Protein backbone atom coordinates (compact mmCIF):
# COMPACT_ATOMS: atom_id res chain seq x y z
CA UNK A 1 -55.01 -34.27 46.20
CA UNK A 2 -52.47 -35.72 43.80
CA UNK A 3 -52.82 -34.64 40.18
CA UNK A 4 -52.06 -37.94 38.40
CA UNK A 5 -52.20 -36.35 34.95
CA UNK A 6 -49.31 -34.11 36.06
CA UNK A 7 -47.49 -37.12 37.56
CA UNK A 8 -47.86 -39.04 34.30
CA UNK A 9 -46.51 -36.08 32.32
CA UNK A 10 -43.45 -35.77 34.59
CA UNK A 11 -42.90 -39.55 34.48
CA UNK A 12 -42.88 -39.60 30.69
CA UNK A 13 -40.55 -36.57 30.59
CA UNK A 14 -38.04 -38.24 32.92
CA UNK A 15 -38.00 -41.45 30.90
CA UNK A 16 -37.58 -39.54 27.63
CA UNK A 17 -34.73 -37.54 29.14
CA UNK A 18 -33.06 -40.68 30.45
CA UNK A 19 -33.29 -42.41 27.07
CA UNK A 20 -31.91 -39.34 25.30
CA UNK A 21 -28.98 -39.27 27.73
CA UNK A 22 -28.26 -42.95 27.17
CA UNK A 23 -28.48 -42.38 23.42
CA UNK A 24 -25.76 -39.70 23.60
CA UNK A 25 -23.51 -41.98 25.61
CA UNK A 26 -23.94 -44.84 23.17
CA UNK A 27 -23.96 -42.86 19.91
CA UNK A 28 -21.66 -45.36 18.19
CA UNK A 29 -23.36 -48.45 19.61
CA UNK A 30 -24.88 -49.48 16.25
CA UNK A 31 -21.44 -50.11 14.85
CA UNK A 32 -20.81 -52.81 17.46
CA UNK A 33 -21.73 -56.45 17.11
CA UNK A 34 -23.81 -56.50 20.26
CA UNK A 35 -26.18 -54.19 22.10
CA UNK A 36 -25.65 -52.50 25.44
CA UNK A 37 -25.13 -55.03 28.22
CA UNK A 38 -27.98 -55.38 30.72
CA UNK A 39 -27.38 -54.31 34.31
CA UNK A 40 -30.02 -56.48 35.96
CA UNK A 41 -31.74 -59.84 35.85
CA UNK A 42 -34.55 -58.53 33.65
CA UNK A 43 -33.57 -56.84 30.39
CA UNK A 44 -34.47 -53.19 29.73
CA UNK A 45 -38.10 -52.37 28.87
CA UNK A 46 -38.42 -50.76 25.45
CA UNK A 47 -42.15 -49.90 25.46
CA UNK A 48 -42.51 -48.37 28.95
CA UNK A 49 -46.01 -46.99 28.19
CA UNK A 50 -47.25 -50.58 28.05
CA UNK A 51 -46.74 -50.85 31.83
CA UNK A 52 -48.27 -47.48 32.71
CA UNK A 53 -51.75 -48.89 33.56
CA UNK A 54 -50.19 -51.24 36.12
CA UNK A 55 -47.69 -48.75 37.55
CA UNK A 56 -50.41 -46.12 38.06
CA UNK A 57 -52.75 -48.65 39.73
CA UNK A 58 -52.32 -48.54 43.56
CA UNK A 59 -54.06 -51.93 43.94
CA UNK A 60 -51.50 -53.55 41.64
CA UNK A 61 -48.52 -51.83 43.31
CA UNK A 62 -49.51 -52.83 46.85
CA UNK A 63 -49.21 -56.52 45.85
CA UNK A 64 -46.17 -56.16 43.58
CA UNK A 65 -43.12 -58.26 44.52
CA UNK A 66 -39.94 -56.21 43.96
CA UNK A 67 -36.83 -57.92 42.64
CA UNK A 68 -33.61 -57.87 44.67
CA UNK A 69 -31.21 -55.07 43.85
CA UNK A 70 -27.97 -55.74 42.03
CA UNK A 71 -24.99 -54.45 43.98
CA UNK A 72 -21.75 -53.19 42.44
CA UNK A 73 -18.84 -51.79 44.43
CA UNK A 74 -17.36 -48.57 43.08
CA UNK A 75 -13.83 -47.89 44.42
CA UNK A 76 -12.92 -44.27 45.03
CA UNK A 77 -9.25 -43.29 45.18
CA UNK A 78 -7.66 -40.33 46.89
CA UNK A 79 -4.55 -38.63 45.54
CA UNK A 80 -1.26 -37.22 46.73
CA UNK A 81 1.69 -35.29 45.22
CA UNK A 82 4.82 -37.08 44.06
CA UNK A 83 7.63 -36.36 41.60
CA UNK A 84 7.24 -39.15 39.10
CA UNK A 85 5.22 -38.69 35.93
CA UNK A 86 7.39 -37.39 33.08
CA UNK A 87 9.77 -35.83 35.67
CA UNK A 88 7.03 -33.37 36.63
CA UNK A 89 5.05 -32.95 39.83
CA UNK A 90 1.61 -34.62 39.53
CA UNK A 91 -0.99 -36.35 41.67
CA UNK A 92 -1.33 -40.14 41.83
CA UNK A 93 -3.49 -42.61 43.72
CA UNK A 94 -3.19 -42.66 47.49
CA UNK A 95 -4.74 -45.64 49.24
CA UNK A 96 -5.80 -45.58 52.89
CA UNK A 97 -4.54 -48.68 54.69
CA UNK A 98 -3.72 -50.16 51.30
CA UNK A 99 -7.35 -50.07 50.14
CA UNK A 100 -9.48 -47.50 48.26
CA UNK A 101 -12.76 -46.17 49.67
CA UNK A 102 -15.60 -48.30 48.32
CA UNK A 103 -19.08 -46.97 47.56
CA UNK A 104 -21.83 -49.56 47.19
CA UNK A 105 -24.20 -48.79 44.30
CA UNK A 106 -27.48 -50.72 43.92
CA UNK A 107 -29.44 -51.03 40.67
CA UNK A 108 -33.16 -51.85 40.63
CA UNK A 109 -34.82 -54.06 38.04
CA UNK A 110 -36.20 -52.49 34.87
CA UNK A 111 -39.86 -52.63 35.93
CA UNK A 112 -39.01 -51.73 39.53
CA UNK A 113 -37.12 -48.65 38.31
CA UNK A 114 -40.22 -47.45 36.45
CA UNK A 115 -42.27 -47.88 39.64
CA UNK A 116 -39.72 -45.98 41.75
CA UNK A 117 -39.67 -43.23 39.13
CA UNK A 118 -43.50 -42.98 39.28
CA UNK A 119 -43.50 -42.56 43.05
CA UNK A 120 -40.62 -40.12 42.81
CA UNK A 121 -42.85 -37.92 40.61
CA UNK A 122 -45.68 -38.21 43.16
CA UNK A 123 -43.43 -37.13 46.05
CA UNK A 124 -41.59 -34.40 44.12
CA UNK A 125 -44.59 -32.06 43.85
CA UNK A 126 -45.27 -32.26 47.61
CA UNK A 127 -41.60 -31.83 48.44
CA UNK A 128 -41.24 -28.77 46.19
CA UNK A 129 -44.30 -27.21 47.82
CA UNK A 130 -42.70 -27.76 51.23
CA UNK A 131 -39.45 -26.12 50.09
CA UNK A 132 -41.34 -23.18 48.61
CA UNK A 133 -43.37 -22.73 51.78
CA UNK A 134 -40.21 -22.66 53.94
CA UNK A 135 -38.08 -20.62 51.52
CA UNK A 136 -35.65 -23.49 50.83
CA UNK A 137 -35.79 -23.63 47.03
CA UNK A 138 -32.25 -22.19 46.69
CA UNK A 139 -30.81 -24.06 49.69
CA UNK A 140 -31.42 -27.74 48.89
CA UNK A 141 -29.80 -28.20 45.49
CA UNK A 142 -29.16 -31.93 44.95
CA UNK A 143 -31.54 -34.46 43.38
CA UNK A 144 -33.83 -31.70 42.18
CA UNK A 145 -34.55 -30.18 38.78
CA UNK A 146 -33.56 -26.52 39.05
CA UNK A 147 -33.69 -24.43 35.88
CA UNK A 148 -31.02 -21.91 34.91
CA UNK A 149 -31.71 -18.27 34.03
CA UNK A 150 -32.85 -19.22 30.51
CA UNK A 151 -35.47 -21.58 31.95
CA UNK A 152 -34.66 -24.27 29.39
CA UNK A 153 -31.67 -26.14 30.83
CA UNK A 154 -31.23 -27.63 34.26
CA UNK A 155 -28.50 -26.57 36.67
CA UNK A 156 -25.66 -28.91 37.64
CA UNK A 157 -22.78 -28.86 40.13
CA UNK A 158 -20.96 -26.26 37.98
CA UNK A 159 -23.79 -23.74 38.40
CA UNK A 160 -24.08 -24.39 42.14
CA UNK A 161 -20.34 -24.02 42.73
CA UNK A 162 -20.23 -20.81 40.69
CA UNK A 163 -23.16 -19.32 42.64
CA UNK A 164 -21.49 -20.14 45.96
CA UNK A 165 -18.21 -18.51 44.87
CA UNK A 166 -20.13 -15.39 43.81
CA UNK A 167 -21.85 -15.30 47.22
CA UNK A 168 -18.45 -15.41 48.93
CA UNK A 169 -17.14 -12.58 46.75
CA UNK A 170 -20.25 -10.49 47.53
CA UNK A 171 -19.59 -10.55 51.30
CA UNK A 172 -17.97 -7.59 53.03
CA UNK A 173 -14.53 -9.15 52.61
CA UNK A 174 -14.38 -10.90 55.96
CA UNK A 175 -16.32 -14.15 56.10
CA UNK A 176 -15.84 -17.80 57.03
CA UNK A 177 -16.84 -20.74 54.86
CA UNK A 178 -17.45 -24.10 56.51
CA UNK A 179 -18.05 -27.34 54.59
CA UNK A 180 -19.42 -30.43 56.32
CA UNK A 181 -19.88 -34.00 55.17
CA UNK A 182 -22.33 -36.48 56.73
CA UNK A 183 -20.73 -39.84 57.48
CA UNK A 184 -22.33 -42.78 55.61
CA UNK A 185 -25.48 -40.83 54.85
CA UNK A 186 -27.61 -43.38 52.97
CA UNK A 187 -26.79 -46.37 55.23
CA UNK A 188 -27.62 -44.23 58.31
CA UNK A 189 -31.14 -43.10 57.37
CA UNK A 190 -33.65 -44.13 60.06
CA UNK A 191 -36.64 -46.05 58.73
CA UNK A 192 -38.98 -44.71 61.44
CA UNK A 193 -38.09 -41.07 60.74
CA UNK A 194 -38.17 -41.57 56.97
CA UNK A 195 -41.69 -42.99 57.22
CA UNK A 196 -42.80 -39.93 59.23
CA UNK A 197 -41.32 -37.53 56.67
CA UNK A 198 -42.95 -39.51 53.83
CA UNK A 199 -46.33 -39.11 55.55
CA UNK A 200 -45.70 -35.37 56.00
CA UNK A 201 -45.10 -34.92 52.27
CA UNK A 202 -48.34 -36.79 51.46
CA UNK A 203 -50.14 -34.90 54.27
CA UNK A 204 -51.45 -38.16 55.72
CA UNK A 205 -51.16 -39.88 59.09
CA UNK A 206 -50.27 -43.28 57.65
CA UNK A 207 -48.77 -44.38 54.36
CA UNK A 208 -51.29 -45.73 51.81
CA UNK A 209 -50.85 -49.48 51.09
CA UNK A 210 -49.13 -48.90 47.73
CA UNK A 211 -46.71 -46.32 49.19
CA UNK A 212 -46.03 -48.65 52.12
CA UNK A 213 -45.09 -51.49 49.76
CA UNK A 214 -42.63 -49.19 47.98
CA UNK A 215 -41.31 -48.06 51.37
CA UNK A 216 -40.77 -51.69 52.46
CA UNK A 217 -38.90 -52.50 49.24
CA UNK A 218 -36.43 -49.69 50.02
CA UNK A 219 -35.94 -50.40 53.73
CA UNK A 220 -36.21 -54.20 53.94
CA UNK A 221 -34.42 -54.60 50.65
CA UNK A 222 -32.42 -57.60 49.49
CA UNK A 223 -29.62 -57.65 46.95
CA UNK A 224 -27.29 -59.90 45.00
CA UNK A 225 -23.61 -58.96 45.21
CA UNK A 226 -22.16 -59.15 41.69
CA UNK A 227 -18.60 -57.97 42.34
CA UNK A 228 -17.41 -61.40 41.24
CA UNK A 229 -17.02 -61.40 37.43
CA UNK A 230 -17.54 -65.17 37.19
CA UNK A 231 -20.85 -64.85 39.02
CA UNK A 232 -21.94 -62.13 36.58
CA UNK A 233 -21.40 -64.51 33.68
CA UNK A 234 -23.26 -67.36 35.34
CA UNK A 235 -26.27 -65.14 36.04
CA UNK A 236 -26.18 -63.52 32.61
CA UNK A 237 -25.47 -60.00 33.82
CA UNK A 238 -23.40 -57.84 31.42
CA UNK A 239 -23.41 -60.56 28.77
CA UNK A 240 -23.38 -60.03 25.03
CA UNK A 241 -26.77 -58.92 23.89
CA UNK A 242 -30.43 -59.48 24.68
CA UNK A 243 -30.78 -63.02 23.26
CA UNK A 244 -27.85 -64.39 25.27
CA UNK A 245 -29.14 -62.62 28.38
CA UNK A 246 -32.61 -64.19 28.06
CA UNK A 247 -31.11 -67.58 27.26
CA UNK A 248 -29.13 -67.51 30.50
CA UNK A 249 -32.28 -66.71 32.48
CA UNK A 250 -34.63 -68.94 30.45
CA UNK A 251 -36.71 -65.85 29.60
CA UNK A 252 -37.75 -66.19 25.98
CA UNK A 253 -40.65 -63.76 25.80
CA UNK A 254 -40.80 -61.75 29.04
CA UNK A 255 -38.93 -58.73 30.31
CA UNK A 256 -39.57 -59.36 34.01
CA UNK A 257 -39.87 -62.27 36.45
CA UNK A 258 -43.12 -64.00 37.33
CA UNK A 259 -43.48 -65.42 40.83
CA UNK A 260 -42.66 -68.93 39.61
CA UNK A 261 -39.59 -67.78 37.68
CA UNK A 262 -38.31 -65.84 40.68
CA UNK A 263 -38.63 -68.93 42.91
CA UNK A 264 -36.65 -70.91 40.33
CA UNK A 265 -34.06 -68.12 40.29
CA UNK A 266 -33.71 -68.34 44.09
CA UNK A 267 -33.13 -72.10 43.86
CA UNK A 268 -30.41 -71.46 41.30
CA UNK A 269 -28.80 -68.92 43.62
CA UNK A 270 -28.74 -71.50 46.44
CA UNK A 271 -26.87 -73.90 44.17
CA UNK A 272 -24.36 -71.18 43.32
CA UNK A 273 -23.97 -70.37 47.04
CA UNK A 274 -22.69 -73.91 47.60
CA UNK A 275 -20.29 -73.52 44.68
CA UNK A 276 -18.89 -70.14 45.79
CA UNK A 277 -19.07 -70.88 49.51
CA UNK A 278 -20.74 -67.62 50.42
CA UNK A 279 -24.18 -66.06 50.69
CA UNK A 280 -25.33 -64.46 47.43
CA UNK A 281 -28.88 -63.28 48.16
CA UNK A 282 -28.31 -60.83 51.01
CA UNK A 283 -30.58 -58.54 53.04
CA UNK A 284 -30.06 -55.03 54.38
CA UNK A 285 -27.05 -55.48 56.67
CA UNK A 286 -28.42 -53.11 59.30
CA UNK A 287 -31.62 -55.13 59.66
CA UNK A 288 -29.57 -58.24 60.37
CA UNK A 289 -27.69 -56.30 63.04
CA UNK A 290 -30.98 -55.29 64.69
CA UNK A 291 -30.95 -51.65 63.55
CA UNK A 292 -33.77 -50.22 61.40
CA UNK A 293 -31.76 -47.91 59.16
CA UNK A 294 -30.32 -47.62 55.66
CA UNK A 295 -31.72 -47.34 52.13
CA UNK A 296 -30.00 -48.43 48.87
CA UNK A 297 -27.99 -45.81 47.02
CA UNK A 298 -28.65 -45.94 43.30
CA UNK A 299 -32.43 -46.37 42.90
CA UNK A 300 -34.33 -43.56 41.09
CA UNK A 301 -36.10 -42.49 44.30
CA UNK A 302 -33.22 -42.76 46.82
CA UNK A 303 -31.91 -39.22 46.29
CA UNK A 304 -35.33 -37.64 46.84
CA UNK A 305 -35.91 -39.73 49.98
CA UNK A 306 -32.55 -38.59 51.34
CA UNK A 307 -33.68 -34.97 50.84
CA UNK A 308 -37.06 -35.65 52.47
CA UNK A 309 -35.33 -37.25 55.46
CA UNK A 310 -33.55 -33.95 56.29
CA UNK A 311 -36.63 -31.73 56.10
CA UNK A 312 -36.49 -30.55 59.72
CA UNK A 313 -32.70 -30.08 59.64
CA UNK A 314 -32.90 -27.88 56.52
CA UNK A 315 -35.56 -25.65 58.11
CA UNK A 316 -33.60 -25.19 61.37
CA UNK A 317 -30.26 -24.69 59.59
CA UNK A 318 -31.70 -21.99 57.33
CA UNK A 319 -33.29 -20.20 60.31
CA UNK A 320 -29.93 -20.28 62.09
CA UNK A 321 -28.05 -18.76 59.14
CA UNK A 322 -30.76 -16.21 58.33
CA UNK A 323 -30.40 -14.71 61.82
CA UNK A 324 -26.74 -13.85 61.18
CA UNK A 325 -27.27 -12.97 57.48
CA UNK A 326 -25.36 -16.05 56.41
CA UNK A 327 -25.96 -18.56 53.61
CA UNK A 328 -26.82 -22.26 53.91
CA UNK A 329 -26.66 -24.79 51.08
CA UNK A 330 -26.88 -28.59 51.04
CA UNK A 331 -25.90 -30.79 48.10
CA UNK A 332 -26.99 -34.26 49.28
CA UNK A 333 -24.67 -34.92 52.25
CA UNK A 334 -22.30 -32.01 51.45
CA UNK A 335 -23.19 -28.91 53.50
CA UNK A 336 -21.82 -25.42 52.79
CA UNK A 337 -22.16 -22.51 55.23
CA UNK A 338 -21.08 -18.89 54.60
CA UNK A 339 -21.20 -16.75 57.75
CA UNK A 340 -19.43 -13.86 59.56
CA UNK A 341 -15.97 -14.86 60.77
CA UNK A 342 -16.68 -14.07 64.44
CA UNK A 343 -19.74 -16.39 64.51
CA UNK A 344 -18.18 -19.35 62.71
CA UNK A 345 -17.41 -21.43 65.81
CA UNK A 346 -20.88 -21.05 67.34
CA UNK A 347 -22.64 -21.84 64.05
CA UNK A 348 -20.47 -24.92 63.49
CA UNK A 349 -21.28 -26.26 66.96
CA UNK A 350 -25.02 -25.59 66.55
CA UNK A 351 -25.14 -27.36 63.18
CA UNK A 352 -23.40 -30.37 64.73
CA UNK A 353 -26.08 -30.42 67.42
CA UNK A 354 -28.85 -30.20 64.82
CA UNK A 355 -27.42 -33.19 62.95
CA UNK A 356 -27.20 -35.15 66.21
CA UNK A 357 -30.89 -34.45 66.83
CA UNK A 358 -31.78 -36.60 63.80
CA UNK A 359 -32.64 -39.66 65.88
CA UNK A 360 -35.70 -41.68 66.79
CA UNK A 361 -37.90 -40.82 69.76
CA UNK A 362 -36.79 -42.39 73.06
CA UNK A 363 -33.43 -43.24 71.47
CA UNK A 364 -30.24 -41.59 72.82
CA UNK A 365 -28.20 -42.67 69.78
CA UNK A 366 -28.04 -40.19 66.85
CA UNK A 367 -28.21 -41.83 63.43
CA UNK A 368 -26.36 -39.09 61.56
CA UNK A 369 -22.89 -37.76 62.34
CA UNK A 370 -20.63 -35.20 60.69
CA UNK A 371 -17.36 -36.48 59.27
CA UNK A 372 -14.73 -34.51 61.22
CA UNK A 373 -11.97 -35.48 58.78
CA UNK A 374 -13.84 -33.90 55.85
CA UNK A 375 -14.84 -30.69 57.65
CA UNK A 376 -12.97 -27.71 56.19
CA UNK A 377 -12.74 -24.16 57.56
CA UNK A 378 -11.72 -21.31 55.27
CA UNK A 379 -11.36 -17.60 56.07
CA UNK A 380 -11.82 -15.14 53.20
CA UNK A 381 -10.38 -11.71 53.93
CA UNK A 382 -9.69 -8.58 51.87
CA UNK A 383 -5.98 -7.69 51.58
CA UNK A 384 -4.96 -4.70 49.44
CA UNK A 385 -8.30 -4.83 47.61
CA UNK A 386 -7.73 -8.51 46.84
CA UNK A 387 -9.82 -11.35 48.32
CA UNK A 388 -7.56 -14.03 49.82
CA UNK A 389 -8.41 -17.39 51.42
CA UNK A 390 -6.69 -18.74 54.55
CA UNK A 391 -7.07 -22.00 56.43
CA UNK A 392 -8.68 -21.95 59.90
CA UNK A 393 -7.35 -24.35 62.52
CA UNK A 394 -10.13 -26.75 63.55
CA UNK A 395 -8.89 -27.11 67.13
CA UNK A 396 -8.13 -23.49 68.05
CA UNK A 397 -10.31 -21.69 65.44
CA UNK A 398 -7.39 -19.36 64.75
CA UNK A 399 -6.78 -18.18 61.18
CA UNK A 400 -3.47 -19.62 60.03
CA UNK A 401 -0.93 -17.90 57.80
CA UNK A 402 -1.24 -20.70 55.26
CA UNK A 403 -3.20 -19.74 52.15
CA UNK A 404 -5.59 -22.49 51.18
CA UNK A 405 -8.37 -22.45 48.53
CA UNK A 406 -11.91 -23.60 49.24
CA UNK A 407 -12.85 -26.96 47.70
CA UNK A 408 -16.50 -27.36 46.72
CA UNK A 409 -18.34 -29.59 44.21
CA UNK A 410 -15.26 -30.42 42.18
CA UNK A 411 -13.74 -26.92 42.09
CA UNK A 412 -11.31 -24.79 44.12
CA UNK A 413 -11.66 -21.07 44.82
CA UNK A 414 -8.89 -18.86 46.26
CA UNK A 415 -10.81 -15.56 46.21
CA UNK A 416 -9.57 -14.51 42.78
CA UNK A 417 -9.59 -17.52 40.47
CA UNK A 418 -11.45 -20.82 40.15
CA UNK A 419 -9.57 -24.07 39.50
CA UNK A 420 -10.65 -27.61 38.76
CA UNK A 421 -10.11 -29.68 41.87
CA UNK A 422 -6.57 -31.08 41.92
CA UNK A 423 -7.80 -34.66 42.46
CA UNK A 424 -9.88 -34.43 39.25
CA UNK A 425 -6.83 -33.27 37.31
CA UNK A 426 -4.92 -36.14 38.89
CA UNK A 427 -7.47 -38.70 37.70
CA UNK A 428 -7.22 -37.34 34.17
CA UNK A 429 -3.41 -37.49 34.08
CA UNK A 430 -3.46 -40.90 35.76
CA UNK A 431 -5.73 -42.21 32.99
CA UNK A 432 -3.47 -40.64 30.37
CA UNK A 433 -0.40 -42.25 31.91
CA UNK A 434 -2.11 -45.65 31.97
CA UNK A 435 -2.93 -45.46 28.24
CA UNK A 436 0.59 -44.37 27.31
CA UNK A 437 2.15 -47.10 29.48
CA UNK A 438 0.09 -49.71 27.64
CA UNK A 439 1.53 -48.46 24.35
CA UNK A 440 5.05 -48.55 25.79
CA UNK A 441 4.56 -52.11 27.03
CA UNK A 442 3.42 -53.23 23.60
CA UNK A 443 -0.23 -53.98 24.35
CA UNK A 444 -1.52 -51.65 21.64
CA UNK A 445 -0.28 -49.29 18.97
CA UNK A 446 -0.71 -48.15 15.41
CA UNK A 447 -2.67 -45.33 13.82
CA UNK A 448 -6.00 -46.54 15.20
CA UNK A 449 -4.82 -46.45 18.82
CA UNK A 450 -3.13 -43.10 18.28
CA UNK A 451 -6.40 -41.64 17.00
CA UNK A 452 -8.31 -43.12 19.93
CA UNK A 453 -5.76 -41.65 22.35
CA UNK A 454 -6.34 -38.17 20.93
CA UNK A 455 -10.13 -38.63 20.94
CA UNK A 456 -10.33 -39.71 24.58
CA UNK A 457 -7.56 -37.66 26.17
CA UNK A 458 -7.30 -34.31 24.35
CA UNK A 459 -9.38 -31.21 23.68
CA UNK A 460 -9.64 -32.30 20.03
CA UNK A 461 -11.87 -35.26 20.92
CA UNK A 462 -15.62 -35.38 21.48
CA UNK A 463 -17.57 -36.49 24.56
CA UNK A 464 -14.57 -36.78 26.84
CA UNK A 465 -13.31 -34.99 29.95
CA UNK A 466 -12.71 -31.78 27.99
CA UNK A 467 -16.40 -31.60 27.13
CA UNK A 468 -17.07 -31.05 30.84
CA UNK A 469 -14.23 -28.52 31.04
CA UNK A 470 -15.63 -26.53 28.09
CA UNK A 471 -19.04 -26.39 29.76
CA UNK A 472 -17.46 -25.21 33.03
CA UNK A 473 -15.51 -22.47 31.19
CA UNK A 474 -18.74 -21.02 29.80
CA UNK A 475 -20.37 -20.86 33.25
CA UNK A 476 -17.47 -19.93 35.55
CA UNK A 477 -15.58 -16.72 34.93
CA UNK A 478 -11.99 -16.06 36.14
CA UNK A 479 -11.13 -19.72 35.70
CA UNK A 480 -7.68 -21.24 35.26
CA UNK A 481 -8.77 -24.48 33.58
CA UNK A 482 -6.68 -24.02 30.43
CA UNK A 483 -3.58 -23.36 32.52
CA UNK A 484 -4.15 -26.53 34.55
CA UNK A 485 -4.49 -28.73 31.44
CA UNK A 486 -2.07 -26.89 29.16
CA UNK A 487 0.47 -29.74 28.99
CA UNK A 488 -1.73 -32.68 28.02
CA UNK A 489 -1.06 -32.57 24.24
CA UNK A 490 2.64 -31.96 24.79
CA UNK A 491 2.83 -34.97 27.10
CA UNK A 492 1.24 -37.21 24.45
CA UNK A 493 3.47 -35.95 21.63
CA UNK A 494 6.67 -36.28 23.69
CA UNK A 495 5.66 -39.77 24.85
CA UNK A 496 5.01 -41.01 21.33
CA UNK A 497 8.39 -39.65 20.25
CA UNK A 498 10.05 -41.49 23.16
CA UNK A 499 8.36 -44.73 22.11
CA UNK A 500 9.86 -44.40 18.61
CA UNK A 501 10.79 -47.81 17.22
CA UNK A 502 8.63 -49.56 19.79
CA UNK A 503 5.54 -47.83 18.34
CA UNK A 504 6.44 -49.10 14.84
CA UNK A 505 7.09 -52.57 16.25
CA UNK A 506 3.68 -52.67 17.94
CA UNK A 507 2.00 -51.36 14.81
CA UNK A 508 3.64 -54.12 12.78
CA UNK A 509 2.49 -56.80 15.25
CA UNK A 510 -1.09 -55.50 15.07
CA UNK A 511 -1.08 -55.56 11.28
CA UNK A 512 0.01 -59.21 11.35
């Protein structure tokens, strides 16, 4: 039986935590002329407790019509080494085939998000019980609330990376570390298998009507693609303030759509489709191609469902590694395996087979595949009482003479020291270069911009990249973070000296 008093408590805690997090991000928002821009058609709900009677009512949920998701494309750049920035060797953007990798993020409506969060709390207790029963509490580490040793704060990727590096160091000095990545994880999730896993968590043969309606909204979902900035303005998304947002949508007193208002909204979209010459209200692409797979990435419940989907894989993978006294960890679609060097090839092949088994009955086509390009093989060996990391050739499985650190969850480990991943350092310096170039080109300048540059790009600022670095320094010992970022203030000071008269000229133009 589900303890709904416990579910309500967890639901309220998650909302309070989310609001506190947003408050920290927007600490200076009161000084602006407008409030935070809305991310969906309906504006954010302030009094969420007002909707609790409806959200907790299964009869109301089973008939609830979910709004389409709002889709944003998030480009992800890779980096390479060149000799360019300030005559020093740094990393800059590297585009594959001239284009960055794009990740599609979907946002649910304000009321829909509260519903998804409620059902996430319902499923979490059953999922945690399953993990506890199968000894997987320390193996599945993403999209779960795991407390640190103090029991007050939750763990993040820094803790998980640090624990994995400690596990490597605790081996006998001769182990292999394999990292896998599942190709297009969220778009490849089978609806049939997900429904079965959902029923297993609830310990029922069929999904209850309210759960089934939530399931349908996440599998047969529709969305509006808002990558076009002009379309955002016409629909009132990311506009200035709540009043303007409601004016655009003709919503003067409500925070969510009624059935009539949603039908009017669809008619408006059809008019805009003629104007833009493309389809705006889209459905799950895989459904249109005749394949029942894929869930939206970005909803409050998507991460938990992705974990639930791999229940059987996690159990079998842990059993496989336990037999050889190895270690298995999965952070969403990133899999880490620590095992004896002589068994690395066999374990890698067996894990590939286990992933391929994630398919529907009577279907020869596996839905999940490992990304061969992102698979890394690292051999840690003791040399003169020092732990050293070498690269393993993926074709021959022979340890190469090339020393190569292990990359995991944003960090690199060479057996002795921990570094911030080079691509993360590259993004920081790339952002710094962009800001300085704008000053050089005369787009901004003066004391105000100089202060902002120091606040956003140096260790003297607050709530910037260095806040994350400081947190990582407290958790990870033997780190080289200060050495990696030692030149950032010098770069800024030298650049401002080079600008010289141009800086004064820009400052004068701004004062005018």
